[in-house]
Amino acid sequence: MWNGGTVCDDNFDTNIADNICRELGFNRSASWSSGYMLDSETQDNFAINLDDISCETNNWEECTYNTEHNCGHSEDIKLSCIRNVEFKFRLVDQAGIDVMKAPFSGLLLFNNQTVCDDSFDNTAANAVCRSMAIIWAVYTLDQNWKAII
């Protein structure tokens, strides 16, 4: 979406996708495609606000585009972006392997060292979880912290 409307795929390429993702605060694009992403009745309710994008550099400010279009919604762009984040905190299982799926529960490491529980509370647990892109933590009756996505 751009200014409340869709983006047309005319001239669209990976360099343009990467520029848009960087403008949105991501590192780069993961993938892009065009066509109907929603049911056509819903998608047709949006205006097509951006067309003929051209990016010769890696800077969105230097890209050119038209706000008038010659497109149909079958040419709307669907874009997925990637944010590469290095986490200093990690959760590992009993084998020392990173816990990569819910439920996120395991031994907490910081810079590959264990974390002491002195003064560790719900506020600390939530801050650690947020730094790992996990929404919040829950303390369970068996006195274990569970991270919730």
C-alpha atoms as a PDB file:
ATOM      1  CA  MET A   1       0.000   0.000   0.000  1.00  0.00           C
ATOM      2  CA  TRP A   2       1.191   3.503  -0.793  1.00  0.00           C
ATOM      3  CA  ASN A   3      -0.875   6.433   0.466  1.00  0.00           C
ATOM      4  CA  GLY A   4      -3.805   4.090   1.056  1.00  0.00           C
ATOM      5  CA  GLY A   5      -3.682   2.521  -2.402  1.00  0.00           C
ATOM      6  CA  THR A   6      -1.963  -0.331  -4.184  1.00  0.00           C
ATOM      7  CA  VAL A   7       1.272  -0.367  -6.197  1.00  0.00           C
ATOM      8  CA  CYS A   8       1.335  -1.495  -9.840  1.00  0.00           C
ATOM      9  CA  ASP A   9       3.882  -4.031 -11.120  1.00  0.00           C
ATOM     10  CA  ASP A  10       4.911  -2.099 -14.287  1.00  0.00           C
ATOM     11  CA  ASN A  11       8.758  -2.035 -14.340  1.00  0.00           C
ATOM     12  CA  PHE A  12       8.831  -3.579 -10.823  1.00  0.00           C
ATOM     13  CA  ASP A  13      11.990  -5.534  -9.999  1.00  0.00           C
ATOM     14  CA  THR A  14      14.037  -6.748  -7.020  1.00  0.00           C
ATOM     15  CA  ASN A  15      15.999  -3.481  -6.766  1.00  0.00           C
ATOM     16  CA  ILE A  16      12.730  -1.558  -6.416  1.00  0.00           C
ATOM     17  CA  ALA A  17      11.463  -4.105  -3.875  1.00  0.00           C
ATOM     18  CA  ASP A  18      14.688  -3.740  -1.847  1.00  0.00           C
ATOM     19  CA  ASN A  19      14.424   0.077  -1.936  1.00  0.00           C
ATOM     20  CA  ILE A  20      10.837  -0.006  -0.686  1.00  0.00           C
ATOM     21  CA  CYS A  21      11.710  -2.473   2.092  1.00  0.00           C
ATOM     22  CA  ARG A  22      14.640  -0.297   3.233  1.00  0.00           C
ATOM     23  CA  GLU A  23      12.341   2.750   3.209  1.00  0.00           C
ATOM     24  CA  LEU A  24       9.995   0.788   5.502  1.00  0.00           C
ATOM     25  CA  GLY A  25      12.850   0.020   7.934  1.00  0.00           C
ATOM     26  CA  PHE A  26      13.718  -3.497   6.745  1.00  0.00           C
ATOM     27  CA  ASN A  27      17.044  -4.717   5.363  1.00  0.00           C
ATOM     28  CA  ARG A  28      15.803  -5.989   2.006  1.00  0.00           C
ATOM     29  CA  SER A  29      12.988  -7.737   0.217  1.00  0.00           C
ATOM     30  CA  ALA A  30      12.344 -11.446   0.746  1.00  0.00           C
ATOM     31  CA  SER A  31      10.040 -11.861  -2.252  1.00  0.00           C
ATOM     32  CA  TRP A  32       7.477 -10.083  -4.359  1.00  0.00           C
ATOM     33  CA  SER A  33       4.734 -11.073  -6.738  1.00  0.00           C
ATOM     34  CA  SER A  34       1.802  -9.464  -8.475  1.00  0.00           C
ATOM     35  CA  GLY A  35      -1.855 -10.283  -8.826  1.00  0.00           C
ATOM     36  CA  TYR A  36      -4.874 -10.536  -6.585  1.00  0.00           C
ATOM     37  CA  MET A  37      -3.819 -11.092  -2.938  1.00  0.00           C
ATOM     38  CA  LEU A  38      -7.284 -10.549  -1.457  1.00  0.00           C
ATOM     39  CA  ASP A  39     -10.587 -11.448  -2.966  1.00  0.00           C
ATOM     40  CA  SER A  40     -11.070  -9.247  -6.028  1.00  0.00           C
ATOM     41  CA  GLU A  41     -14.094  -7.472  -4.560  1.00  0.00           C
ATOM     42  CA  THR A  42     -12.044  -6.269  -1.562  1.00  0.00           C
ATOM     43  CA  GLN A  43      -8.884  -5.443  -3.525  1.00  0.00           C
ATOM     44  CA  ASP A  44     -10.873  -3.537  -6.160  1.00  0.00           C
ATOM     45  CA  ASN A  45     -12.020  -1.121  -3.422  1.00  0.00           C
ATOM     46  CA  PHE A  46      -8.490   0.329  -3.225  1.00  0.00           C
ATOM     47  CA  ALA A  47      -7.159   2.923  -5.634  1.00  0.00           C
ATOM     48  CA  ILE A  48      -3.976   2.155  -7.567  1.00  0.00           C
ATOM     49  CA  ASN A  49      -1.713   4.978  -6.364  1.00  0.00           C
ATOM     50  CA  LEU A  50       1.762   4.166  -7.674  1.00  0.00           C
ATOM     51  CA  ASP A  51       2.984   3.036 -11.103  1.00  0.00           C
ATOM     52  CA  ASP A  52       6.102   2.959 -13.284  1.00  0.00           C
ATOM     53  CA  ILE A  53       8.609   2.947 -10.419  1.00  0.00           C
ATOM     54  CA  SER A  54      12.248   3.222 -11.450  1.00  0.00           C
ATOM     55  CA  CYS A  55      15.208   2.970  -9.057  1.00  0.00           C
ATOM     56  CA  GLU A  56      18.695   3.360 -10.508  1.00  0.00           C
ATOM     57  CA  THR A  57      20.379   3.443  -7.063  1.00  0.00           C
ATOM     58  CA  ASN A  58      19.830   1.908  -3.620  1.00  0.00           C
ATOM     59  CA  ASN A  59      18.188   5.092  -2.321  1.00  0.00           C
ATOM     60  CA  TRP A  60      14.382   5.425  -2.423  1.00  0.00           C
ATOM     61  CA  GLU A  61      14.724   9.229  -2.471  1.00  0.00           C
ATOM     62  CA  GLU A  62      16.299   8.935  -5.940  1.00  0.00           C
ATOM     63  CA  CYS A  63      13.602   6.636  -7.346  1.00  0.00           C
ATOM     64  CA  THR A  64      11.002   7.993  -9.755  1.00  0.00           C
ATOM     65  CA  TYR A  65       7.365   6.962 -10.131  1.00  0.00           C
ATOM     66  CA  ASN A  66       3.973   8.051 -11.416  1.00  0.00           C
ATOM     67  CA  THR A  67       0.912   8.598  -9.267  1.00  0.00           C
ATOM     68  CA  GLU A  68      -1.337   8.072 -12.294  1.00  0.00           C
ATOM     69  CA  HIS A  69      -1.575   4.534 -13.626  1.00  0.00           C
ATOM     70  CA  ASN A  70      -2.514   2.340 -16.543  1.00  0.00           C
ATOM     71  CA  CYS A  71      -2.961  -0.811 -14.436  1.00  0.00           C
ATOM     72  CA  GLY A  72      -5.605  -3.150 -13.166  1.00  0.00           C
ATOM     73  CA  HIS A  73      -5.597  -4.779  -9.738  1.00  0.00           C
ATOM     74  CA  SER A  74      -4.342  -7.999 -11.314  1.00  0.00           C
ATOM     75  CA  GLU A  75      -1.015  -6.090 -11.435  1.00  0.00           C
ATOM     76  CA  ASP A  76      -0.948  -5.132  -7.716  1.00  0.00           C
ATOM     77  CA  ILE A  77       2.320  -5.875  -5.906  1.00  0.00           C
ATOM     78  CA  LYS A  78       2.538  -8.164  -2.877  1.00  0.00           C
ATOM     79  CA  LEU A  79       5.844  -7.551  -1.085  1.00  0.00           C
ATOM     80  CA  SER A  80       7.551  -9.416   1.760  1.00  0.00           C
ATOM     81  CA  CYS A  81      10.517  -7.814   3.530  1.00  0.00           C
ATOM     82  CA  ILE A  82      13.284  -9.139   5.795  1.00  0.00           C
ATOM     83  CA  ARG A  83      14.738  -7.489   8.876  1.00  0.00           C
ATOM     84  CA  ASN A  84      18.051  -9.102   9.794  1.00  0.00           C
ATOM     85  CA  VAL A  85      18.529  -8.719  13.509  1.00  0.00           C
ATOM     86  CA  GLU A  86      21.384 -10.094  15.576  1.00  0.00           C
ATOM     87  CA  PHE A  87      20.052 -11.180  18.930  1.00  0.00           C
ATOM     88  CA  LYS A  88      22.434 -11.134  21.876  1.00  0.00           C
ATOM     89  CA  PHE A  89      19.924 -13.238  23.804  1.00  0.00           C
ATOM     90  CA  ARG A  90      19.173 -16.848  22.804  1.00  0.00           C
ATOM     91  CA  LEU A  91      17.030 -19.660  24.130  1.00  0.00           C
ATOM     92  CA  VAL A  92      18.506 -23.149  23.794  1.00  0.00           C
ATOM     93  CA  ASP A  93      17.083 -26.587  24.474  1.00  0.00           C
ATOM     94  CA  GLN A  94      18.740 -29.398  26.486  1.00  0.00           C
ATOM     95  CA  ALA A  95      20.983 -30.231  23.511  1.00  0.00           C
ATOM     96  CA  GLY A  96      22.147 -26.603  23.237  1.00  0.00           C
ATOM     97  CA  ILE A  97      20.199 -26.036  20.002  1.00  0.00           C
ATOM     98  CA  ASP A  98      18.439 -22.715  19.480  1.00  0.00           C
ATOM     99  CA  VAL A  99      14.714 -22.859  20.191  1.00  0.00           C
ATOM    100  CA  MET A 100      13.223 -21.581  16.948  1.00  0.00           C
ATOM    101  CA  LYS A 101       9.503 -22.326  17.312  1.00  0.00           C
ATOM    102  CA  ALA A 102       6.733 -21.943  19.854  1.00  0.00           C
ATOM    103  CA  PRO A 103       6.564 -22.602  22.670  1.00  0.00           C
ATOM    104  CA  PHE A 104       9.767 -20.620  23.162  1.00  0.00           C
ATOM    105  CA  SER A 105      11.089 -22.165  26.342  1.00  0.00           C
ATOM    106  CA  GLY A 106      14.674 -23.018  27.202  1.00  0.00           C
ATOM    107  CA  LEU A 107      17.910 -21.961  28.841  1.00  0.00           C
ATOM    108  CA  LEU A 108      18.483 -18.221  28.416  1.00  0.00           C
ATOM    109  CA  LEU A 109      21.911 -17.206  27.114  1.00  0.00           C
ATOM    110  CA  PHE A 110      23.380 -13.734  26.674  1.00  0.00           C
ATOM    111  CA  ASN A 111      26.425 -13.592  24.383  1.00  0.00           C
ATOM    112  CA  ASN A 112      26.550 -17.398  24.737  1.00  0.00           C
ATOM    113  CA  GLN A 113      26.757 -17.243  28.542  1.00  0.00           C
ATOM    114  CA  THR A 114      24.056 -18.258  31.017  1.00  0.00           C
ATOM    115  CA  VAL A 115      21.965 -15.591  32.765  1.00  0.00           C
ATOM    116  CA  CYS A 116      21.676 -15.502  36.573  1.00  0.00           C
ATOM    117  CA  ASP A 117      18.152 -15.302  38.037  1.00  0.00           C
ATOM    118  CA  ASP A 118      19.035 -12.761  40.766  1.00  0.00           C
ATOM    119  CA  SER A 119      16.428  -9.983  40.521  1.00  0.00           C
ATOM    120  CA  PHE A 120      15.114 -11.490  37.283  1.00  0.00           C
ATOM    121  CA  ASP A 121      11.419 -10.652  37.200  1.00  0.00           C
ATOM    122  CA  ASN A 122       8.498 -10.285  34.806  1.00  0.00           C
ATOM    123  CA  THR A 123       9.748  -6.899  33.607  1.00  0.00           C
ATOM    124  CA  ALA A 124      13.177  -8.349  32.784  1.00  0.00           C
ATOM    125  CA  ALA A 125      11.630 -11.388  31.094  1.00  0.00           C
ATOM    126  CA  ASN A 126       9.404  -9.222  28.920  1.00  0.00           C
ATOM    127  CA  ALA A 127      12.305  -6.941  27.971  1.00  0.00           C
ATOM    128  CA  VAL A 128      14.425  -9.960  26.967  1.00  0.00           C
ATOM    129  CA  CYS A 129      11.558 -11.436  24.956  1.00  0.00           C
ATOM    130  CA  ARG A 130      10.911  -8.164  23.123  1.00  0.00           C
ATOM    131  CA  SER A 131      14.610  -7.921  22.242  1.00  0.00           C
ATOM    132  CA  MET A 132      14.233 -11.362  20.612  1.00  0.00           C
ATOM    133  CA  ALA A 133      11.104 -10.254  18.680  1.00  0.00           C
ATOM    134  CA  ILE A 134       8.832 -12.247  21.014  1.00  0.00           C
ATOM    135  CA  ILE A 135       5.799 -10.416  22.360  1.00  0.00           C
ATOM    136  CA  TRP A 136       5.918 -11.313  26.078  1.00  0.00           C
ATOM    137  CA  ALA A 137       6.900 -13.860  28.703  1.00  0.00           C
ATOM    138  CA  VAL A 138       4.747 -15.889  31.089  1.00  0.00           C
ATOM    139  CA  TYR A 139       5.929 -17.324  34.399  1.00  0.00           C
ATOM    140  CA  THR A 140       4.433 -20.784  34.876  1.00  0.00           C
ATOM    141  CA  LEU A 141       3.549 -22.687  38.042  1.00  0.00           C
ATOM    142  CA  ASP A 142       6.558 -24.969  37.555  1.00  0.00           C
ATOM    143  CA  GLN A 143       8.688 -21.829  37.986  1.00  0.00           C
ATOM    144  CA  ASN A 144       9.733 -21.640  34.354  1.00  0.00           C
ATOM    145  CA  TRP A 145       9.480 -18.664  32.030  1.00  0.00           C
ATOM    146  CA  LYS A 146       7.648 -19.256  28.751  1.00  0.00           C
ATOM    147  CA  ALA A 147       8.023 -16.814  25.884  1.00  0.00           C
ATOM    148  CA  ILE A 148       4.851 -16.067  23.958  1.00  0.00           C
ATOM    149  CA  ILE A 149       4.864 -14.932  20.326  1.00  0.00           C
END
